[in-house]
Amino acid sequence: MNRGPVTEEFAMTFIARRTPATLTTALLGGCRRGAHRLWTRRNLTPQERANLLAGYTPPAVVSASLGCHPKR
């Protein structure tokens, strides 16, 4: 009972048929997440807005403003 070629053929067919659907699903999911992110940022409180901006600030800028870097 040799099932090697049958299993291999099935796997190749399965992957070939699945690739476009998987790609489409991934793209749609990414678009949905992006749209959701933009929509949720629309109604932020002032504190949430400040936290969001602080998240984009490089750590070196924050630590320098706190006096962690010696002056030259």
C-alpha atoms as a PDB file:
ATOM      1  CA  MET A   1       0.000   0.000   0.000  1.00  0.00           C
ATOM      2  CA  ASN A   2       2.089   2.884  -1.309  1.00  0.00           C
ATOM      3  CA  ARG A   3       0.407   6.273  -0.772  1.00  0.00           C
ATOM      4  CA  GLY A   4       3.484   8.477  -1.309  1.00  0.00           C
ATOM      5  CA  PRO A   5       2.682   9.879  -4.779  1.00  0.00           C
ATOM      6  CA  VAL A   6      -1.033  10.277  -4.047  1.00  0.00           C
ATOM      7  CA  THR A   7      -0.387  12.267  -0.873  1.00  0.00           C
ATOM      8  CA  GLU A   8       2.232  14.417  -2.588  1.00  0.00           C
ATOM      9  CA  GLU A   9      -0.067  15.130  -5.539  1.00  0.00           C
ATOM     10  CA  PHE A  10      -2.929  16.050  -3.207  1.00  0.00           C
ATOM     11  CA  ALA A  11      -0.709  18.406  -1.226  1.00  0.00           C
ATOM     12  CA  MET A  12       0.527  20.174  -4.358  1.00  0.00           C
ATOM     13  CA  THR A  13      -3.010  20.594  -5.700  1.00  0.00           C
ATOM     14  CA  PHE A  14      -4.302  21.790  -2.344  1.00  0.00           C
ATOM     15  CA  ILE A  15      -1.572  24.436  -1.990  1.00  0.00           C
ATOM     16  CA  ALA A  16      -1.948  25.640  -5.590  1.00  0.00           C
ATOM     17  CA  ARG A  17      -5.692  26.148  -5.191  1.00  0.00           C
ATOM     18  CA  ARG A  18      -5.447  27.697  -1.754  1.00  0.00           C
ATOM     19  CA  THR A  19      -2.864  30.398  -2.478  1.00  0.00           C
ATOM     20  CA  PRO A  20      -5.092  33.035  -4.165  1.00  0.00           C
ATOM     21  CA  ALA A  21      -7.820  32.720  -1.531  1.00  0.00           C
ATOM     22  CA  THR A  22      -5.288  32.969   1.286  1.00  0.00           C
ATOM     23  CA  LEU A  23      -3.717  36.030  -0.297  1.00  0.00           C
ATOM     24  CA  THR A  24      -7.101  37.691  -0.773  1.00  0.00           C
ATOM     25  CA  THR A  25      -8.097  36.952   2.813  1.00  0.00           C
ATOM     26  CA  ALA A  26      -4.836  38.372   4.125  1.00  0.00           C
ATOM     27  CA  LEU A  27      -5.233  41.547   2.072  1.00  0.00           C
ATOM     28  CA  LEU A  28      -8.835  42.033   3.156  1.00  0.00           C
ATOM     29  CA  GLY A  29      -7.896  41.468   6.783  1.00  0.00           C
ATOM     30  CA  GLY A  30      -5.115  44.036   6.513  1.00  0.00           C
ATOM     31  CA  CYS A  31      -7.462  46.581   4.952  1.00  0.00           C
ATOM     32  CA  ARG A  32     -10.048  46.010   7.660  1.00  0.00           C
ATOM     33  CA  ARG A  33      -7.472  46.422  10.429  1.00  0.00           C
ATOM     34  CA  GLY A  34      -6.163  49.621   8.848  1.00  0.00           C
ATOM     35  CA  ALA A  35      -9.641  51.078   8.460  1.00  0.00           C
ATOM     36  CA  HIS A  36     -10.510  50.120  12.027  1.00  0.00           C
ATOM     37  CA  ARG A  37      -7.340  51.787  13.323  1.00  0.00           C
ATOM     38  CA  LEU A  38      -8.125  55.006  11.455  1.00  0.00           C
ATOM     39  CA  TRP A  39     -11.730  54.980  12.623  1.00  0.00           C
ATOM     40  CA  THR A  40     -10.823  54.453  16.287  1.00  0.00           C
ATOM     41  CA  ARG A  41      -8.328  57.333  16.207  1.00  0.00           C
ATOM     42  CA  ARG A  42     -11.081  59.674  15.122  1.00  0.00           C
ATOM     43  CA  ASN A  43     -12.721  59.923  18.554  1.00  0.00           C
ATOM     44  CA  LEU A  44      -9.812  60.121  20.983  1.00  0.00           C
ATOM     45  CA  THR A  45      -9.777  61.943  24.299  1.00  0.00           C
ATOM     46  CA  PRO A  46      -6.972  64.500  24.802  1.00  0.00           C
ATOM     47  CA  GLN A  47      -5.145  62.048  27.090  1.00  0.00           C
ATOM     48  CA  GLU A  48      -5.364  59.238  24.542  1.00  0.00           C
ATOM     49  CA  ARG A  49      -4.090  61.603  21.842  1.00  0.00           C
ATOM     50  CA  ALA A  50      -1.104  62.569  24.046  1.00  0.00           C
ATOM     51  CA  ASN A  51      -0.342  58.907  24.747  1.00  0.00           C
ATOM     52  CA  LEU A  52      -0.461  58.104  21.045  1.00  0.00           C
ATOM     53  CA  LEU A  53       1.981  60.912  20.216  1.00  0.00           C
ATOM     54  CA  ALA A  54       4.278  59.858  23.072  1.00  0.00           C
ATOM     55  CA  GLY A  55       4.377  56.373  21.588  1.00  0.00           C
ATOM     56  CA  TYR A  56       5.930  57.748  18.405  1.00  0.00           C
ATOM     57  CA  THR A  57       8.596  59.766  20.254  1.00  0.00           C
ATOM     58  CA  PRO A  58      12.060  58.125  20.107  1.00  0.00           C
ATOM     59  CA  PRO A  59      13.284  56.922  23.544  1.00  0.00           C
ATOM     60  CA  ALA A  60      16.513  58.958  23.268  1.00  0.00           C
ATOM     61  CA  VAL A  61      14.526  62.201  23.100  1.00  0.00           C
ATOM     62  CA  VAL A  62      12.526  61.305  26.198  1.00  0.00           C
ATOM     63  CA  SER A  63      15.560  60.184  28.210  1.00  0.00           C
ATOM     64  CA  ALA A  64      17.521  63.324  27.205  1.00  0.00           C
ATOM     65  CA  SER A  65      14.674  65.553  28.355  1.00  0.00           C
ATOM     66  CA  LEU A  66      14.749  63.782  31.735  1.00  0.00           C
ATOM     67  CA  GLY A  67      18.488  64.461  32.155  1.00  0.00           C
ATOM     68  CA  CYS A  68      19.800  60.972  31.426  1.00  0.00           C
ATOM     69  CA  HIS A  69      22.396  62.131  28.895  1.00  0.00           C
ATOM     70  CA  PRO A  70      25.364  64.167  30.164  1.00  0.00           C
ATOM     71  CA  LYS A  71      25.955  67.574  28.604  1.00  0.00           C
ATOM     72  CA  ARG A  72      29.091  67.987  26.531  1.00  0.00           C
END
